[in-house]
Amino acid sequence: MNATVEQALISKLRTLSPQQVAEVEDFVEFLAGKARKRTALDRLLAIAPALEAAGVVPMTEEEIAAEVKAARAERRARQQAKGSGADRS
């Protein structure tokens, strides 16, 4: 992003109400998350041919769903631990 665009955005942000700024922040987080997911998918797809060539058996949909569920549970646990740690200080 060039400095002119950045300054224009900052000027516009300064005119918004706190509620609107929160909405902009949420949208920016949404876009960043979308970009992270796309990057992760691209990395996964990049290794697919190597896995196939190595003879790795593809995961079933059920196995994938279980892995996703476990990863989400682990992330929630980390976030909760982080939150409760902040409460103690």
C-alpha atoms as a PDB file:
ATOM      1  CA  MET A   1       0.000   0.000   0.000  1.00  0.00           C
ATOM      2  CA  ASN A   2       1.471   3.342  -0.928  1.00  0.00           C
ATOM      3  CA  ALA A   3       1.642   6.268   1.492  1.00  0.00           C
ATOM      4  CA  THR A   4      -1.051   8.269  -0.325  1.00  0.00           C
ATOM      5  CA  VAL A   5      -3.609   5.459  -0.077  1.00  0.00           C
ATOM      6  CA  GLU A   6      -2.644   4.826   3.537  1.00  0.00           C
ATOM      7  CA  GLN A   7      -3.089   8.487   4.477  1.00  0.00           C
ATOM      8  CA  ALA A   8      -6.455   8.640   2.674  1.00  0.00           C
ATOM      9  CA  LEU A   9      -7.673   5.590   4.614  1.00  0.00           C
ATOM     10  CA  ILE A  10      -6.480   7.013   7.912  1.00  0.00           C
ATOM     11  CA  SER A  11      -8.263  10.301   7.186  1.00  0.00           C
ATOM     12  CA  LYS A  12     -11.485   8.440   6.436  1.00  0.00           C
ATOM     13  CA  LEU A  13     -11.145   6.293   9.571  1.00  0.00           C
ATOM     14  CA  ARG A  14     -10.858   9.429  11.695  1.00  0.00           C
ATOM     15  CA  THR A  15     -14.309  10.539  10.544  1.00  0.00           C
ATOM     16  CA  LEU A  16     -16.014   7.310  11.644  1.00  0.00           C
ATOM     17  CA  SER A  17     -17.811   6.637  14.896  1.00  0.00           C
ATOM     18  CA  PRO A  18     -16.285   4.101  17.313  1.00  0.00           C
ATOM     19  CA  GLN A  19     -18.938   1.567  16.218  1.00  0.00           C
ATOM     20  CA  GLN A  20     -18.013   2.047  12.561  1.00  0.00           C
ATOM     21  CA  VAL A  21     -14.310   1.731  13.344  1.00  0.00           C
ATOM     22  CA  ALA A  22     -15.072  -1.571  15.092  1.00  0.00           C
ATOM     23  CA  GLU A  23     -16.916  -2.748  11.977  1.00  0.00           C
ATOM     24  CA  VAL A  24     -13.962  -1.780   9.783  1.00  0.00           C
ATOM     25  CA  GLU A  25     -11.622  -3.641  12.119  1.00  0.00           C
ATOM     26  CA  ASP A  26     -13.826  -6.738  11.957  1.00  0.00           C
ATOM     27  CA  PHE A  27     -13.856  -6.575   8.167  1.00  0.00           C
ATOM     28  CA  VAL A  28     -10.075  -6.186   7.983  1.00  0.00           C
ATOM     29  CA  GLU A  29      -9.711  -9.240  10.265  1.00  0.00           C
ATOM     30  CA  PHE A  30     -12.109 -11.149   8.009  1.00  0.00           C
ATOM     31  CA  LEU A  31     -10.022 -10.276   4.931  1.00  0.00           C
ATOM     32  CA  ALA A  32      -6.784 -11.216   6.697  1.00  0.00           C
ATOM     33  CA  GLY A  33      -8.259 -14.551   7.803  1.00  0.00           C
ATOM     34  CA  LYS A  34      -9.448 -15.230   4.287  1.00  0.00           C
ATOM     35  CA  ALA A  35      -5.935 -14.557   2.965  1.00  0.00           C
ATOM     36  CA  ARG A  36      -4.396 -16.865   5.609  1.00  0.00           C
ATOM     37  CA  LYS A  37      -6.804 -19.663   4.661  1.00  0.00           C
ATOM     38  CA  ARG A  38      -6.014 -19.230   0.965  1.00  0.00           C
ATOM     39  CA  THR A  39      -2.276 -19.345   1.679  1.00  0.00           C
ATOM     40  CA  ALA A  40      -2.702 -22.525   3.738  1.00  0.00           C
ATOM     41  CA  LEU A  41      -4.757 -24.144   0.975  1.00  0.00           C
ATOM     42  CA  ASP A  42      -2.163 -23.189  -1.638  1.00  0.00           C
ATOM     43  CA  ARG A  43       0.600 -24.740   0.498  1.00  0.00           C
ATOM     44  CA  LEU A  44      -1.442 -27.903   0.945  1.00  0.00           C
ATOM     45  CA  LEU A  45      -2.182 -28.194  -2.764  1.00  0.00           C
ATOM     46  CA  ALA A  46       1.492 -27.611  -3.584  1.00  0.00           C
ATOM     47  CA  ILE A  47       2.532 -30.760  -1.687  1.00  0.00           C
ATOM     48  CA  ALA A  48      -0.281 -32.956  -3.013  1.00  0.00           C
ATOM     49  CA  PRO A  49       1.711 -34.267  -6.012  1.00  0.00           C
ATOM     50  CA  ALA A  50       4.654 -35.201  -3.776  1.00  0.00           C
ATOM     51  CA  LEU A  51       2.361 -37.067  -1.393  1.00  0.00           C
ATOM     52  CA  GLU A  52       0.762 -38.944  -4.270  1.00  0.00           C
ATOM     53  CA  ALA A  53       4.175 -39.826  -5.747  1.00  0.00           C
ATOM     54  CA  ALA A  54       5.283 -41.103  -2.332  1.00  0.00           C
ATOM     55  CA  GLY A  55       2.286 -43.416  -2.207  1.00  0.00           C
ATOM     56  CA  VAL A  56       0.633 -41.730   0.765  1.00  0.00           C
ATOM     57  CA  VAL A  57      -2.955 -42.922   1.105  1.00  0.00           C
ATOM     58  CA  PRO A  58      -5.408 -39.999   0.888  1.00  0.00           C
ATOM     59  CA  MET A  59      -7.400 -39.188   4.018  1.00  0.00           C
ATOM     60  CA  THR A  60     -11.121 -39.890   4.087  1.00  0.00           C
ATOM     61  CA  GLU A  61     -13.591 -37.055   4.579  1.00  0.00           C
ATOM     62  CA  GLU A  62     -14.239 -38.381   8.079  1.00  0.00           C
ATOM     63  CA  GLU A  63     -10.518 -38.274   8.921  1.00  0.00           C
ATOM     64  CA  ILE A  64     -10.260 -34.733   7.602  1.00  0.00           C
ATOM     65  CA  ALA A  65     -13.299 -33.653   9.623  1.00  0.00           C
ATOM     66  CA  ALA A  66     -11.797 -35.228  12.759  1.00  0.00           C
ATOM     67  CA  GLU A  67      -8.483 -33.412  12.193  1.00  0.00           C
ATOM     68  CA  VAL A  68     -10.260 -30.094  11.692  1.00  0.00           C
ATOM     69  CA  LYS A  69     -12.336 -30.639  14.832  1.00  0.00           C
ATOM     70  CA  ALA A  70      -9.221 -31.476  16.858  1.00  0.00           C
ATOM     71  CA  ALA A  71      -7.332 -28.440  15.550  1.00  0.00           C
ATOM     72  CA  ARG A  72     -10.244 -26.147  16.381  1.00  0.00           C
ATOM     73  CA  ALA A  73     -10.529 -27.595  19.887  1.00  0.00           C
ATOM     74  CA  GLU A  74      -6.793 -27.110  20.418  1.00  0.00           C
ATOM     75  CA  ARG A  75      -7.008 -23.499  19.212  1.00  0.00           C
ATOM     76  CA  ARG A  76      -9.971 -22.801  21.530  1.00  0.00           C
ATOM     77  CA  ALA A  77      -8.059 -24.304  24.463  1.00  0.00           C
ATOM     78  CA  ARG A  78      -5.019 -22.119  23.695  1.00  0.00           C
ATOM     79  CA  GLN A  79      -7.203 -19.018  23.450  1.00  0.00           C
ATOM     80  CA  GLN A  80      -8.937 -19.833  26.735  1.00  0.00           C
ATOM     81  CA  ALA A  81      -5.606 -20.493  28.461  1.00  0.00           C
ATOM     82  CA  LYS A  82      -4.264 -17.227  27.090  1.00  0.00           C
ATOM     83  CA  GLY A  83      -7.355 -15.390  28.314  1.00  0.00           C
ATOM     84  CA  SER A  84      -7.275 -16.902  31.792  1.00  0.00           C
ATOM     85  CA  GLY A  85      -3.563 -16.179  32.055  1.00  0.00           C
ATOM     86  CA  ALA A  86      -4.234 -12.518  31.326  1.00  0.00           C
ATOM     87  CA  ASP A  87      -6.899 -12.472  34.038  1.00  0.00           C
ATOM     88  CA  ARG A  88      -4.385 -13.526  36.708  1.00  0.00           C
ATOM     89  CA  SER A  89      -1.954 -10.639  36.208  1.00  0.00           C
END
